[in-house]
């Protein structure tokens, strides 16, 4: 298994750099079930931020990208169950960020009865509790 950093995943997904994107694509093409790439939860959260903020990806485009990573047999994702649950919540809501839902789902699966936040959208749509 090899680890994949956010910038490598983004270059692979965005295909926007004439030097780095082909390198990332070549690396992804060499991944197998026996030698997968590993995407940590932090990387998945960062990918969602970069795609939505820097690349202006729509919610549907982001969901498609995340689902593709999660479905890939050649990629192992940290907290995959939480990521799948977060994707489902993200797709069913209108404005919550994927990373916020991922945070809440990871905490829930680890036994947290509540995740507190100052973010009103996260409290309203990610199942977090507003700290006030």
C-alpha atoms as a PDB file:
ATOM      1  CA  UNK A   1       0.000   0.000   0.000  1.00  0.00           C
ATOM      2  CA  UNK A   2       1.123   3.544  -0.703  1.00  0.00           C
ATOM      3  CA  UNK A   3      -0.220   6.761   0.765  1.00  0.00           C
ATOM      4  CA  UNK A   4      -1.722   9.446  -1.431  1.00  0.00           C
ATOM      5  CA  UNK A   5      -1.507  13.127  -0.510  1.00  0.00           C
ATOM      6  CA  UNK A   6      -4.263  15.610  -1.278  1.00  0.00           C
ATOM      7  CA  UNK A   7      -2.372  17.304  -4.108  1.00  0.00           C
ATOM      8  CA  UNK A   8      -1.815  13.993  -5.912  1.00  0.00           C
ATOM      9  CA  UNK A   9      -5.502  13.061  -5.642  1.00  0.00           C
ATOM     10  CA  UNK A  10      -6.603  16.515  -6.798  1.00  0.00           C
ATOM     11  CA  UNK A  11      -4.223  16.488  -9.785  1.00  0.00           C
ATOM     12  CA  UNK A  12      -5.585  13.078 -10.760  1.00  0.00           C
ATOM     13  CA  UNK A  13      -9.209  14.203 -10.465  1.00  0.00           C
ATOM     14  CA  UNK A  14      -8.832  17.680 -11.977  1.00  0.00           C
ATOM     15  CA  UNK A  15      -6.396  16.829 -14.781  1.00  0.00           C
ATOM     16  CA  UNK A  16      -5.404  20.497 -14.857  1.00  0.00           C
ATOM     17  CA  UNK A  17      -1.614  20.495 -14.791  1.00  0.00           C
ATOM     18  CA  UNK A  18       0.381  19.388 -17.824  1.00  0.00           C
ATOM     19  CA  UNK A  19       3.245  18.023 -15.711  1.00  0.00           C
ATOM     20  CA  UNK A  20       1.687  16.829 -12.442  1.00  0.00           C
ATOM     21  CA  UNK A  21      -1.613  15.420 -13.739  1.00  0.00           C
ATOM     22  CA  UNK A  22       0.019  12.797 -16.004  1.00  0.00           C
ATOM     23  CA  UNK A  23       2.309  11.786 -13.130  1.00  0.00           C
ATOM     24  CA  UNK A  24      -0.673  11.380 -10.814  1.00  0.00           C
ATOM     25  CA  UNK A  25      -2.586   9.453 -13.486  1.00  0.00           C
ATOM     26  CA  UNK A  26       0.362   7.128 -14.035  1.00  0.00           C
ATOM     27  CA  UNK A  27       0.576   6.484 -10.281  1.00  0.00           C
ATOM     28  CA  UNK A  28      -3.169   5.778 -10.043  1.00  0.00           C
ATOM     29  CA  UNK A  29      -2.975   3.432 -13.035  1.00  0.00           C
ATOM     30  CA  UNK A  30      -0.388   1.324 -11.188  1.00  0.00           C
ATOM     31  CA  UNK A  31      -2.589   0.826  -8.130  1.00  0.00           C
ATOM     32  CA  UNK A  32      -4.048  -2.654  -7.679  1.00  0.00           C
ATOM     33  CA  UNK A  33      -6.118  -4.535  -5.130  1.00  0.00           C
ATOM     34  CA  UNK A  34      -2.871  -6.031  -3.822  1.00  0.00           C
ATOM     35  CA  UNK A  35      -1.019  -2.717  -3.853  1.00  0.00           C
ATOM     36  CA  UNK A  36      -3.682  -0.075  -3.245  1.00  0.00           C
ATOM     37  CA  UNK A  37      -3.396   3.604  -2.628  1.00  0.00           C
ATOM     38  CA  UNK A  38      -4.402   4.852   0.806  1.00  0.00           C
ATOM     39  CA  UNK A  39      -6.489   7.990   1.251  1.00  0.00           C
ATOM     40  CA  UNK A  40      -6.738   9.219   4.819  1.00  0.00           C
ATOM     41  CA  UNK A  41      -9.814  10.967   6.196  1.00  0.00           C
ATOM     42  CA  UNK A  42      -7.899  14.256   6.319  1.00  0.00           C
ATOM     43  CA  UNK A  43      -7.015  13.878   2.646  1.00  0.00           C
ATOM     44  CA  UNK A  44     -10.644  13.174   1.766  1.00  0.00           C
ATOM     45  CA  UNK A  45     -11.740  16.289   3.666  1.00  0.00           C
ATOM     46  CA  UNK A  46      -9.031  18.399   1.999  1.00  0.00           C
ATOM     47  CA  UNK A  47      -9.973  17.070  -1.445  1.00  0.00           C
ATOM     48  CA  UNK A  48     -13.559  18.177  -0.839  1.00  0.00           C
ATOM     49  CA  UNK A  49     -12.420  21.662   0.207  1.00  0.00           C
ATOM     50  CA  UNK A  50     -10.051  22.077  -2.736  1.00  0.00           C
ATOM     51  CA  UNK A  51     -12.550  20.852  -5.317  1.00  0.00           C
ATOM     52  CA  UNK A  52     -15.358  23.082  -4.061  1.00  0.00           C
ATOM     53  CA  UNK A  53     -13.369  26.193  -3.214  1.00  0.00           C
ATOM     54  CA  UNK A  54     -10.535  26.305  -5.724  1.00  0.00           C
ATOM     55  CA  UNK A  55     -12.142  24.383  -8.583  1.00  0.00           C
ATOM     56  CA  UNK A  56     -15.746  25.493  -7.935  1.00  0.00           C
ATOM     57  CA  UNK A  57     -17.011  21.905  -8.229  1.00  0.00           C
ATOM     58  CA  UNK A  58     -20.753  21.577  -7.792  1.00  0.00           C
ATOM     59  CA  UNK A  59     -22.201  19.398  -5.043  1.00  0.00           C
ATOM     60  CA  UNK A  60     -23.009  16.739  -7.653  1.00  0.00           C
ATOM     61  CA  UNK A  61     -19.476  16.842  -9.082  1.00  0.00           C
ATOM     62  CA  UNK A  62     -17.959  16.538  -5.620  1.00  0.00           C
ATOM     63  CA  UNK A  63     -20.261  13.640  -4.719  1.00  0.00           C
ATOM     64  CA  UNK A  64     -19.326  11.897  -7.982  1.00  0.00           C
ATOM     65  CA  UNK A  65     -15.596  12.310  -7.257  1.00  0.00           C
ATOM     66  CA  UNK A  66     -15.863  11.105  -3.656  1.00  0.00           C
ATOM     67  CA  UNK A  67     -18.022   8.145  -4.653  1.00  0.00           C
ATOM     68  CA  UNK A  68     -15.529   7.193  -7.353  1.00  0.00           C
ATOM     69  CA  UNK A  69     -12.701   7.159  -4.834  1.00  0.00           C
ATOM     70  CA  UNK A  70     -14.740   5.135  -2.335  1.00  0.00           C
ATOM     71  CA  UNK A  71     -15.859   2.588  -4.945  1.00  0.00           C
ATOM     72  CA  UNK A  72     -12.375   2.005  -6.326  1.00  0.00           C
ATOM     73  CA  UNK A  73     -11.017  -1.433  -5.468  1.00  0.00           C
ATOM     74  CA  UNK A  74      -7.535   0.013  -5.874  1.00  0.00           C
ATOM     75  CA  UNK A  75      -7.989   2.614  -3.129  1.00  0.00           C
ATOM     76  CA  UNK A  76      -8.304   2.023   0.575  1.00  0.00           C
ATOM     77  CA  UNK A  77      -9.993   4.850   2.464  1.00  0.00           C
ATOM     78  CA  UNK A  78      -9.533   5.506   6.163  1.00  0.00           C
ATOM     79  CA  UNK A  79     -12.894   5.378   7.937  1.00  0.00           C
ATOM     80  CA  UNK A  80     -14.606   4.211   4.755  1.00  0.00           C
ATOM     81  CA  UNK A  81     -17.866   3.515   6.589  1.00  0.00           C
ATOM     82  CA  UNK A  82     -17.920   7.078   7.918  1.00  0.00           C
ATOM     83  CA  UNK A  83     -17.089   8.407   4.448  1.00  0.00           C
ATOM     84  CA  UNK A  84     -19.973   6.462   2.873  1.00  0.00           C
ATOM     85  CA  UNK A  85     -22.358   7.662   5.573  1.00  0.00           C
ATOM     86  CA  UNK A  86     -21.112  11.227   5.132  1.00  0.00           C
ATOM     87  CA  UNK A  87     -21.609  11.003   1.376  1.00  0.00           C
ATOM     88  CA  UNK A  88     -25.208   9.901   1.878  1.00  0.00           C
ATOM     89  CA  UNK A  89     -25.949  12.796   4.220  1.00  0.00           C
ATOM     90  CA  UNK A  90     -24.107  15.243   1.957  1.00  0.00           C
ATOM     91  CA  UNK A  91     -26.173  14.157  -1.053  1.00  0.00           C
ATOM     92  CA  UNK A  92     -29.439  14.474   0.858  1.00  0.00           C
ATOM     93  CA  UNK A  93     -28.793  18.021   2.101  1.00  0.00           C
ATOM     94  CA  UNK A  94     -28.569  21.358   0.337  1.00  0.00           C
ATOM     95  CA  UNK A  95     -25.655  23.263   1.797  1.00  0.00           C
ATOM     96  CA  UNK A  96     -23.613  21.364   4.379  1.00  0.00           C
ATOM     97  CA  UNK A  97     -19.982  20.734   3.482  1.00  0.00           C
ATOM     98  CA  UNK A  98     -18.849  17.147   2.970  1.00  0.00           C
ATOM     99  CA  UNK A  99     -15.952  17.622   5.410  1.00  0.00           C
ATOM    100  CA  UNK A 100     -18.335  18.679   8.191  1.00  0.00           C
ATOM    101  CA  UNK A 101     -20.485  15.603   7.708  1.00  0.00           C
ATOM    102  CA  UNK A 102     -17.357  13.428   7.608  1.00  0.00           C
ATOM    103  CA  UNK A 103     -16.228  14.891  10.940  1.00  0.00           C
ATOM    104  CA  UNK A 104     -19.619  14.144  12.501  1.00  0.00           C
ATOM    105  CA  UNK A 105     -19.794  10.614  11.107  1.00  0.00           C
ATOM    106  CA  UNK A 106     -16.268   9.690  12.220  1.00  0.00           C
ATOM    107  CA  UNK A 107     -17.034  10.968  15.719  1.00  0.00           C
ATOM    108  CA  UNK A 108     -20.312   9.027  15.798  1.00  0.00           C
ATOM    109  CA  UNK A 109     -18.670   5.776  14.741  1.00  0.00           C
ATOM    110  CA  UNK A 110     -16.030   6.297  17.427  1.00  0.00           C
ATOM    111  CA  UNK A 111     -18.765   6.519  20.049  1.00  0.00           C
ATOM    112  CA  UNK A 112     -19.355  10.252  20.369  1.00  0.00           C
ATOM    113  CA  UNK A 113     -22.940  10.940  21.364  1.00  0.00           C
ATOM    114  CA  UNK A 114     -22.726  14.476  19.989  1.00  0.00           C
ATOM    115  CA  UNK A 115     -20.300  16.652  18.016  1.00  0.00           C
ATOM    116  CA  UNK A 116     -20.327  20.324  18.916  1.00  0.00           C
ATOM    117  CA  UNK A 117     -19.733  23.133  16.444  1.00  0.00           C
ATOM    118  CA  UNK A 118     -20.076  26.885  15.991  1.00  0.00           C
ATOM    119  CA  UNK A 119     -21.074  26.290  12.331  1.00  0.00           C
ATOM    120  CA  UNK A 120     -24.839  26.762  11.923  1.00  0.00           C
ATOM    121  CA  UNK A 121     -24.998  24.772   8.656  1.00  0.00           C
ATOM    122  CA  UNK A 122     -23.146  21.856  10.238  1.00  0.00           C
ATOM    123  CA  UNK A 123     -25.497  21.957  13.209  1.00  0.00           C
ATOM    124  CA  UNK A 124     -28.577  22.090  10.994  1.00  0.00           C
ATOM    125  CA  UNK A 125     -27.568  19.552   8.348  1.00  0.00           C
ATOM    126  CA  UNK A 126     -24.674  17.416   9.601  1.00  0.00           C
ATOM    127  CA  UNK A 127     -26.266  16.352  12.849  1.00  0.00           C
ATOM    128  CA  UNK A 128     -23.929  18.398  15.004  1.00  0.00           C
ATOM    129  CA  UNK A 129     -25.028  20.444  17.995  1.00  0.00           C
ATOM    130  CA  UNK A 130     -24.563  24.200  17.954  1.00  0.00           C
ATOM    131  CA  UNK A 131     -22.419  25.389  20.853  1.00  0.00           C
ATOM    132  CA  UNK A 132     -23.914  28.596  22.154  1.00  0.00           C
END
